[in-house]
Amino acid sequence: MATALRNISETDPSNVPDASNMCFGIVVSEWNSQVTNALLQGAVSTLEAHGALPENIHVKTVPGSFELIYGAHQMTLNGGYDAIIILGSVIRGETPHFDYICQGVTYGIARLNAKSEIPVIYGLLTTDTLEQAIDRSGGKLGNKGDECAVVAIKMAKF
């Protein structure tokens, strides 16, 4: 498990470009909002800590994780963004629904990255338990939203 080796929020700030002239779109799922709201807070605060202006961070919500693909695609079409971040949380249940959602979102975001001129950053937590999701959305293992924000800045600069 990679996150057992380090806190996902630990980044050397000197290795992150200035984001003051960048514009970001964030699409966040309403499902598992306890987790996704924390991911969003981490992403926004990290973008701002690296110079992004609040008015250049545009947040849209979608009902569930599968809809993140559509939301991100719409943002790529509207233009004006240097990078788009998707944030969601899927927690394993008793049915194969988890596998289909995770696989579908992963494929959809990979496809957007292959076809779009704008990087789409994958911030979908796929965990076995709510506790694992909380640990990765501001808990003892950091906040995946922080990591996604840093990746978005670096990819926008790419």
Protein backbone atom coordinates (compact mmCIF):
# COMPACT_ATOMS: atom_id res chain seq x y z
CA MET A 1 0.00 0.00 0.00
CA ALA A 2 1.66 3.20 -1.19
CA THR A 3 0.03 5.54 1.34
CA ALA A 4 1.40 3.41 4.18
CA LEU A 5 4.85 4.58 3.10
CA ARG A 6 4.21 8.33 3.24
CA ASN A 7 1.59 10.96 3.95
CA ILE A 8 -0.09 11.84 0.65
CA SER A 9 -0.17 15.53 1.57
CA GLU A 10 3.60 15.87 1.97
CA THR A 11 5.00 17.89 -0.92
CA ASP A 12 8.07 20.06 -1.08
CA PRO A 13 6.57 23.50 -1.90
CA SER A 14 9.72 24.49 -3.79
CA ASN A 15 8.94 21.80 -6.37
CA VAL A 16 5.52 23.27 -7.19
CA PRO A 17 5.20 26.01 -9.85
CA ASP A 18 3.46 29.29 -9.11
CA ALA A 19 -0.27 29.00 -9.85
CA SER A 20 -1.14 32.71 -9.71
CA ASN A 21 -1.86 32.92 -13.45
CA MET A 22 -3.71 29.61 -13.66
CA CYS A 23 -7.40 28.73 -13.70
CA PHE A 24 -8.71 25.43 -12.34
CA GLY A 25 -11.96 23.54 -12.63
CA ILE A 26 -12.95 21.10 -9.92
CA VAL A 27 -15.75 18.57 -10.28
CA VAL A 28 -16.76 17.00 -6.98
CA SER A 29 -19.21 14.22 -6.26
CA GLU A 30 -21.98 14.80 -3.73
CA TRP A 31 -21.99 11.08 -2.84
CA ASN A 32 -20.02 10.36 0.36
CA SER A 33 -20.01 14.12 0.99
CA GLN A 34 -18.23 13.78 4.34
CA VAL A 35 -15.24 12.58 2.35
CA THR A 36 -15.61 14.59 -0.86
CA ASN A 37 -16.11 17.92 0.96
CA ALA A 38 -12.85 17.31 2.82
CA LEU A 39 -11.10 16.46 -0.47
CA LEU A 40 -12.46 19.68 -1.97
CA GLN A 41 -11.30 21.75 0.99
CA GLY A 42 -7.82 20.24 0.67
CA ALA A 43 -7.63 20.89 -3.06
CA VAL A 44 -8.83 24.49 -2.85
CA SER A 45 -6.57 25.40 0.07
CA THR A 46 -3.55 23.86 -1.66
CA LEU A 47 -4.27 25.66 -4.95
CA GLU A 48 -4.57 28.94 -3.07
CA ALA A 49 -1.40 28.23 -1.05
CA HIS A 50 0.45 28.01 -4.37
CA GLY A 51 -0.92 31.29 -5.65
CA ALA A 52 -4.21 30.43 -7.38
CA LEU A 53 -6.75 33.20 -6.93
CA PRO A 54 -10.12 32.15 -5.44
CA GLU A 55 -11.94 33.57 -8.47
CA ASN A 56 -9.85 31.26 -10.70
CA ILE A 57 -11.03 28.11 -8.93
CA HIS A 58 -14.41 26.99 -10.29
CA VAL A 59 -16.23 24.19 -8.47
CA LYS A 60 -19.11 22.16 -9.89
CA THR A 61 -20.90 19.30 -8.16
CA VAL A 62 -22.32 16.12 -9.63
CA PRO A 63 -24.55 13.57 -7.88
CA GLY A 64 -22.17 10.60 -7.90
CA SER A 65 -18.73 9.44 -8.93
CA PHE A 66 -19.77 8.09 -12.32
CA GLU A 67 -21.00 11.58 -13.26
CA LEU A 68 -17.52 12.99 -12.68
CA ILE A 69 -16.67 11.96 -16.25
CA TYR A 70 -19.47 14.05 -17.75
CA GLY A 71 -18.70 17.02 -15.49
CA ALA A 72 -15.00 16.96 -16.38
CA HIS A 73 -15.81 16.59 -20.07
CA GLN A 74 -18.10 19.63 -19.97
CA MET A 75 -15.34 21.65 -18.33
CA THR A 76 -12.88 20.63 -21.05
CA LEU A 77 -15.35 21.87 -23.67
CA ASN A 78 -15.99 25.20 -21.96
CA GLY A 79 -12.30 26.06 -22.03
CA GLY A 80 -10.38 28.55 -20.04
CA TYR A 81 -9.03 26.00 -17.57
CA ASP A 82 -5.39 25.07 -17.19
CA ALA A 83 -6.33 21.82 -15.44
CA ILE A 84 -9.41 20.07 -14.12
CA ILE A 85 -9.55 18.01 -10.94
CA ILE A 86 -12.15 15.32 -10.28
CA LEU A 87 -12.87 14.42 -6.66
CA GLY A 88 -14.98 11.50 -5.53
CA SER A 89 -15.17 8.61 -3.12
CA VAL A 90 -16.34 5.07 -3.77
CA ILE A 91 -16.46 2.72 -0.80
CA ARG A 92 -16.68 -1.02 -1.39
CA GLY A 93 -20.02 -2.56 -0.57
CA GLU A 94 -21.54 -6.02 -0.83
CA THR A 95 -22.15 -5.95 -4.59
CA PRO A 96 -19.92 -5.58 -7.67
CA HIS A 97 -21.23 -2.01 -8.14
CA PHE A 98 -17.95 -0.72 -6.63
CA ASP A 99 -15.91 -2.44 -9.35
CA TYR A 100 -18.05 -1.11 -12.19
CA ILE A 101 -18.03 2.47 -10.93
CA CYS A 102 -14.28 2.51 -10.22
CA GLN A 103 -13.45 0.92 -13.55
CA GLY A 104 -15.82 3.18 -15.49
CA VAL A 105 -14.56 6.41 -13.93
CA THR A 106 -10.94 5.36 -14.38
CA TYR A 107 -11.50 4.55 -18.04
CA GLY A 108 -13.52 7.72 -18.63
CA ILE A 109 -10.92 10.01 -17.10
CA ALA A 110 -8.09 8.23 -18.93
CA ARG A 111 -10.00 8.72 -22.18
CA LEU A 112 -10.50 12.43 -21.46
CA ASN A 113 -6.78 12.81 -20.81
CA ALA A 114 -5.96 11.11 -24.10
CA LYS A 115 -8.35 13.27 -26.14
CA SER A 116 -8.37 16.62 -24.36
CA GLU A 117 -5.92 19.49 -24.46
CA ILE A 118 -6.46 20.02 -20.74
CA PRO A 119 -5.13 17.65 -18.05
CA VAL A 120 -7.84 15.98 -15.97
CA ILE A 121 -6.52 14.96 -12.57
CA TYR A 122 -7.84 11.73 -11.06
CA GLY A 123 -8.94 12.25 -7.47
CA LEU A 124 -11.25 9.29 -6.94
CA LEU A 125 -10.73 7.52 -3.63
CA THR A 126 -11.46 3.81 -3.96
CA THR A 127 -11.45 2.33 -0.48
CA ASP A 128 -12.78 -0.71 1.33
CA THR A 129 -14.14 1.25 4.30
CA LEU A 130 -15.31 4.71 5.31
CA GLU A 131 -12.43 4.84 7.80
CA GLN A 132 -9.91 4.37 4.97
CA ALA A 133 -11.59 7.17 3.00
CA ILE A 134 -11.48 9.51 6.00
CA ASP A 135 -7.81 8.67 6.57
CA ARG A 136 -7.12 9.82 2.99
CA SER A 137 -9.32 12.93 3.02
CA GLY A 138 -7.68 14.86 5.83
CA GLY A 139 -7.03 12.07 8.32
CA LYS A 140 -3.86 10.36 9.40
CA LEU A 141 -2.71 9.66 5.82
CA GLY A 142 -3.18 13.22 4.57
CA ASN A 143 -5.61 14.56 2.00
CA LYS A 144 -5.73 13.28 -1.57
CA GLY A 145 -7.25 16.66 -2.50
CA ASP A 146 -3.91 18.31 -1.60
CA GLU A 147 -2.06 15.87 -3.82
CA CYS A 148 -4.46 16.38 -6.72
CA ALA A 149 -4.04 20.15 -6.51
CA VAL A 150 -0.25 19.86 -6.69
CA VAL A 151 -0.55 17.45 -9.64
CA ALA A 152 -2.94 19.87 -11.38
CA ILE A 153 -0.49 22.75 -11.02
CA LYS A 154 2.42 20.67 -12.29
CA MET A 155 0.44 19.29 -15.23
CA ALA A 156 -0.90 22.73 -16.14
CA LYS A 157 2.73 23.87 -16.34
CA PHE A 158 3.67 20.81 -18.43
